Amino acid sequence: MSKSTFSIAVKAFIINENKVLLVKRSDEDIHKPGIWEVPGGRLKLAENPFDGLKREVKEETGLILKDVKVIGLNNDIVNTAHFVTIALFSDNFEGEPMVMEPEEITEWRWFPFDSL
């Protein structure tokens, strides 16, 4: 019998001046090497999704999210895994993005919507 994986992730669509913040994953990342994506990560056991997102964004970018709203939910099921991802939105934050986890995130950048 194979093991199954279940996790809940949160992803932040952080908007500033009609641009969205994306982070670039390290080329050594075993799951998503070198890709650009919105900041976020997995919730800890019994963690509130809003608190988890604020924690993940602060760990990855140094930004402090002030207001967060749910904008989507994704439910991915494959042979041995089930992933639920909650997409959240914020345009109310403090600070300037920084690379806080250089072993995981190598760069961040604001992207205009029309360049995505």
C-alpha atoms as a PDB file:
ATOM      1  CA  MET A   1       0.000   0.000   0.000  1.00  0.00           C
ATOM      2  CA  SER A   2       1.439   3.370  -0.981  1.00  0.00           C
ATOM      3  CA  LYS A   3       1.372   6.422   1.230  1.00  0.00           C
ATOM      4  CA  SER A   4      -0.973   9.272   0.430  1.00  0.00           C
ATOM      5  CA  THR A   5      -0.162  12.938   0.798  1.00  0.00           C
ATOM      6  CA  PHE A   6      -2.620  15.617   1.842  1.00  0.00           C
ATOM      7  CA  SER A   7      -1.760  19.271   2.285  1.00  0.00           C
ATOM      8  CA  ILE A   8      -3.362  22.676   2.320  1.00  0.00           C
ATOM      9  CA  ALA A   9      -1.449  25.557   0.801  1.00  0.00           C
ATOM     10  CA  VAL A  10      -2.049  29.296   0.700  1.00  0.00           C
ATOM     11  CA  LYS A  11      -0.954  31.593  -2.130  1.00  0.00           C
ATOM     12  CA  ALA A  12      -0.885  35.403  -2.051  1.00  0.00           C
ATOM     13  CA  PHE A  13      -1.789  37.622  -4.957  1.00  0.00           C
ATOM     14  CA  ILE A  14      -0.195  40.832  -3.679  1.00  0.00           C
ATOM     15  CA  ILE A  15      -1.062  43.812  -5.854  1.00  0.00           C
ATOM     16  CA  ASN A  16       0.663  47.211  -5.973  1.00  0.00           C
ATOM     17  CA  GLU A  17       0.079  49.874  -8.649  1.00  0.00           C
ATOM     18  CA  ASN A  18      -1.574  47.375 -11.043  1.00  0.00           C
ATOM     19  CA  LYS A  19       1.318  44.919 -10.680  1.00  0.00           C
ATOM     20  CA  VAL A  20       1.457  41.515  -8.987  1.00  0.00           C
ATOM     21  CA  LEU A  21       4.392  40.340  -6.870  1.00  0.00           C
ATOM     22  CA  LEU A  22       6.058  37.121  -8.047  1.00  0.00           C
ATOM     23  CA  VAL A  23       8.988  35.293  -6.456  1.00  0.00           C
ATOM     24  CA  LYS A  24      11.474  33.100  -8.297  1.00  0.00           C
ATOM     25  CA  ARG A  25      12.124  29.695  -6.765  1.00  0.00           C
ATOM     26  CA  SER A  26      15.701  28.486  -6.451  1.00  0.00           C
ATOM     27  CA  ASP A  27      17.047  26.288  -9.258  1.00  0.00           C
ATOM     28  CA  GLU A  28      17.734  23.707  -6.511  1.00  0.00           C
ATOM     29  CA  ASP A  29      14.078  23.571  -5.432  1.00  0.00           C
ATOM     30  CA  ILE A  30      13.103  19.898  -5.776  1.00  0.00           C
ATOM     31  CA  HIS A  31       9.449  20.616  -6.574  1.00  0.00           C
ATOM     32  CA  LYS A  32       9.481  23.788  -8.692  1.00  0.00           C
ATOM     33  CA  PRO A  33      13.040  24.650  -9.751  1.00  0.00           C
ATOM     34  CA  GLY A  34      13.471  28.128 -11.216  1.00  0.00           C
ATOM     35  CA  ILE A  35       9.797  28.983 -11.664  1.00  0.00           C
ATOM     36  CA  TRP A  36       8.120  32.318 -10.947  1.00  0.00           C
ATOM     37  CA  GLU A  37       5.043  32.145  -8.734  1.00  0.00           C
ATOM     38  CA  VAL A  38       3.080  34.104  -6.171  1.00  0.00           C
ATOM     39  CA  PRO A  39       4.398  33.847  -2.598  1.00  0.00           C
ATOM     40  CA  GLY A  40       2.918  31.302  -0.221  1.00  0.00           C
ATOM     41  CA  GLY A  41       3.300  27.820   1.146  1.00  0.00           C
ATOM     42  CA  ARG A  42       1.757  25.060   3.219  1.00  0.00           C
ATOM     43  CA  LEU A  43      -0.299  25.562   6.322  1.00  0.00           C
ATOM     44  CA  LYS A  44       0.884  24.095   9.590  1.00  0.00           C
ATOM     45  CA  LEU A  45      -1.443  21.709  11.417  1.00  0.00           C
ATOM     46  CA  ALA A  46      -4.445  23.627  12.860  1.00  0.00           C
ATOM     47  CA  GLU A  47      -3.186  26.960  11.444  1.00  0.00           C
ATOM     48  CA  ASN A  48      -5.736  29.538  10.325  1.00  0.00           C
ATOM     49  CA  PRO A  49      -5.332  30.143   6.541  1.00  0.00           C
ATOM     50  CA  PHE A  50      -5.121  33.936   6.974  1.00  0.00           C
ATOM     51  CA  ASP A  51      -2.454  33.628   9.670  1.00  0.00           C
ATOM     52  CA  GLY A  52      -0.607  31.007   7.621  1.00  0.00           C
ATOM     53  CA  LEU A  53      -0.534  33.250   4.574  1.00  0.00           C
ATOM     54  CA  LYS A  54       0.712  36.215   6.582  1.00  0.00           C
ATOM     55  CA  ARG A  55       3.446  33.998   8.071  1.00  0.00           C
ATOM     56  CA  GLU A  56       4.511  32.582   4.698  1.00  0.00           C
ATOM     57  CA  VAL A  57       4.603  35.997   2.995  1.00  0.00           C
ATOM     58  CA  LYS A  58       6.639  37.504   5.836  1.00  0.00           C
ATOM     59  CA  GLU A  59       9.064  34.528   5.781  1.00  0.00           C
ATOM     60  CA  GLU A  60       9.552  34.761   1.996  1.00  0.00           C
ATOM     61  CA  THR A  61       9.379  38.514   1.309  1.00  0.00           C
ATOM     62  CA  GLY A  62       9.457  40.402   4.611  1.00  0.00           C
ATOM     63  CA  LEU A  63       6.110  42.047   3.762  1.00  0.00           C
ATOM     64  CA  ILE A  64       3.490  42.388   6.484  1.00  0.00           C
ATOM     65  CA  LEU A  65       0.019  41.821   5.069  1.00  0.00           C
ATOM     66  CA  LYS A  66      -2.649  44.000   6.710  1.00  0.00           C
ATOM     67  CA  ASP A  67      -5.799  42.856   4.944  1.00  0.00           C
ATOM     68  CA  VAL A  68      -6.381  39.557   3.135  1.00  0.00           C
ATOM     69  CA  LYS A  69      -9.373  38.283   1.151  1.00  0.00           C
ATOM     70  CA  VAL A  70     -10.084  34.829  -0.278  1.00  0.00           C
ATOM     71  CA  ILE A  71     -10.333  34.903  -4.095  1.00  0.00           C
ATOM     72  CA  GLY A  72     -10.145  31.247  -5.065  1.00  0.00           C
ATOM     73  CA  LEU A  73      -9.835  27.604  -4.147  1.00  0.00           C
ATOM     74  CA  ASN A  74      -8.149  24.799  -6.063  1.00  0.00           C
ATOM     75  CA  ASN A  75      -8.642  21.094  -5.341  1.00  0.00           C
ATOM     76  CA  ASP A  76      -6.027  18.848  -7.020  1.00  0.00           C
ATOM     77  CA  ILE A  77      -6.252  15.076  -6.640  1.00  0.00           C
ATOM     78  CA  VAL A  78      -3.798  12.635  -8.218  1.00  0.00           C
ATOM     79  CA  ASN A  79      -3.047   8.959  -7.544  1.00  0.00           C
ATOM     80  CA  THR A  80      -1.393   9.341  -4.148  1.00  0.00           C
ATOM     81  CA  ALA A  81      -1.845  13.011  -3.320  1.00  0.00           C
ATOM     82  CA  HIS A  82      -4.548  15.541  -2.531  1.00  0.00           C
ATOM     83  CA  PHE A  83      -3.633  19.239  -2.502  1.00  0.00           C
ATOM     84  CA  VAL A  84      -6.010  22.045  -1.583  1.00  0.00           C
ATOM     85  CA  THR A  85      -4.753  25.542  -2.408  1.00  0.00           C
ATOM     86  CA  ILE A  86      -6.449  28.689  -1.137  1.00  0.00           C
ATOM     87  CA  ALA A  87      -5.743  31.805  -3.221  1.00  0.00           C
ATOM     88  CA  LEU A  88      -5.858  35.070  -1.312  1.00  0.00           C
ATOM     89  CA  PHE A  89      -5.564  38.726  -2.325  1.00  0.00           C
ATOM     90  CA  SER A  90      -4.010  41.718  -0.623  1.00  0.00           C
ATOM     91  CA  ASP A  91      -3.244  45.265  -1.685  1.00  0.00           C
ATOM     92  CA  ASN A  92      -2.806  46.451   1.892  1.00  0.00           C
ATOM     93  CA  PHE A  93       0.674  45.688   3.236  1.00  0.00           C
ATOM     94  CA  GLU A  94       3.718  47.235   4.895  1.00  0.00           C
ATOM     95  CA  GLY A  95       7.321  47.109   3.801  1.00  0.00           C
ATOM     96  CA  GLU A  96       9.321  46.499   0.648  1.00  0.00           C
ATOM     97  CA  PRO A  97       9.868  42.980  -0.675  1.00  0.00           C
ATOM     98  CA  MET A  98      13.207  41.357   0.161  1.00  0.00           C
ATOM     99  CA  VAL A  99      14.681  37.912  -0.433  1.00  0.00           C
ATOM    100  CA  MET A 100      14.307  36.427   3.051  1.00  0.00           C
ATOM    101  CA  GLU A 101      14.977  32.744   2.235  1.00  0.00           C
ATOM    102  CA  PRO A 102      17.775  32.731  -0.378  1.00  0.00           C
ATOM    103  CA  GLU A 103      17.955  28.922  -0.327  1.00  0.00           C
ATOM    104  CA  GLU A 104      14.329  28.831  -1.577  1.00  0.00           C
ATOM    105  CA  ILE A 105      13.672  32.238  -3.201  1.00  0.00           C
ATOM    106  CA  THR A 106      16.341  33.860  -5.362  1.00  0.00           C
ATOM    107  CA  GLU A 107      14.512  36.963  -6.589  1.00  0.00           C
ATOM    108  CA  TRP A 108      11.226  38.869  -6.487  1.00  0.00           C
ATOM    109  CA  ARG A 109       9.725  41.256  -8.986  1.00  0.00           C
ATOM    110  CA  TRP A 110       6.542  43.264  -9.605  1.00  0.00           C
ATOM    111  CA  PHE A 111       4.974  42.184 -12.909  1.00  0.00           C
ATOM    112  CA  PRO A 112       2.389  44.234 -14.847  1.00  0.00           C
ATOM    113  CA  PHE A 113      -0.710  42.163 -15.525  1.00  0.00           C
ATOM    114  CA  ASP A 114      -0.322  42.499 -19.290  1.00  0.00           C
ATOM    115  CA  SER A 115       3.119  40.837 -19.169  1.00  0.00           C
ATOM    116  CA  LEU A 116       1.939  37.650 -17.482  1.00  0.00           C
END
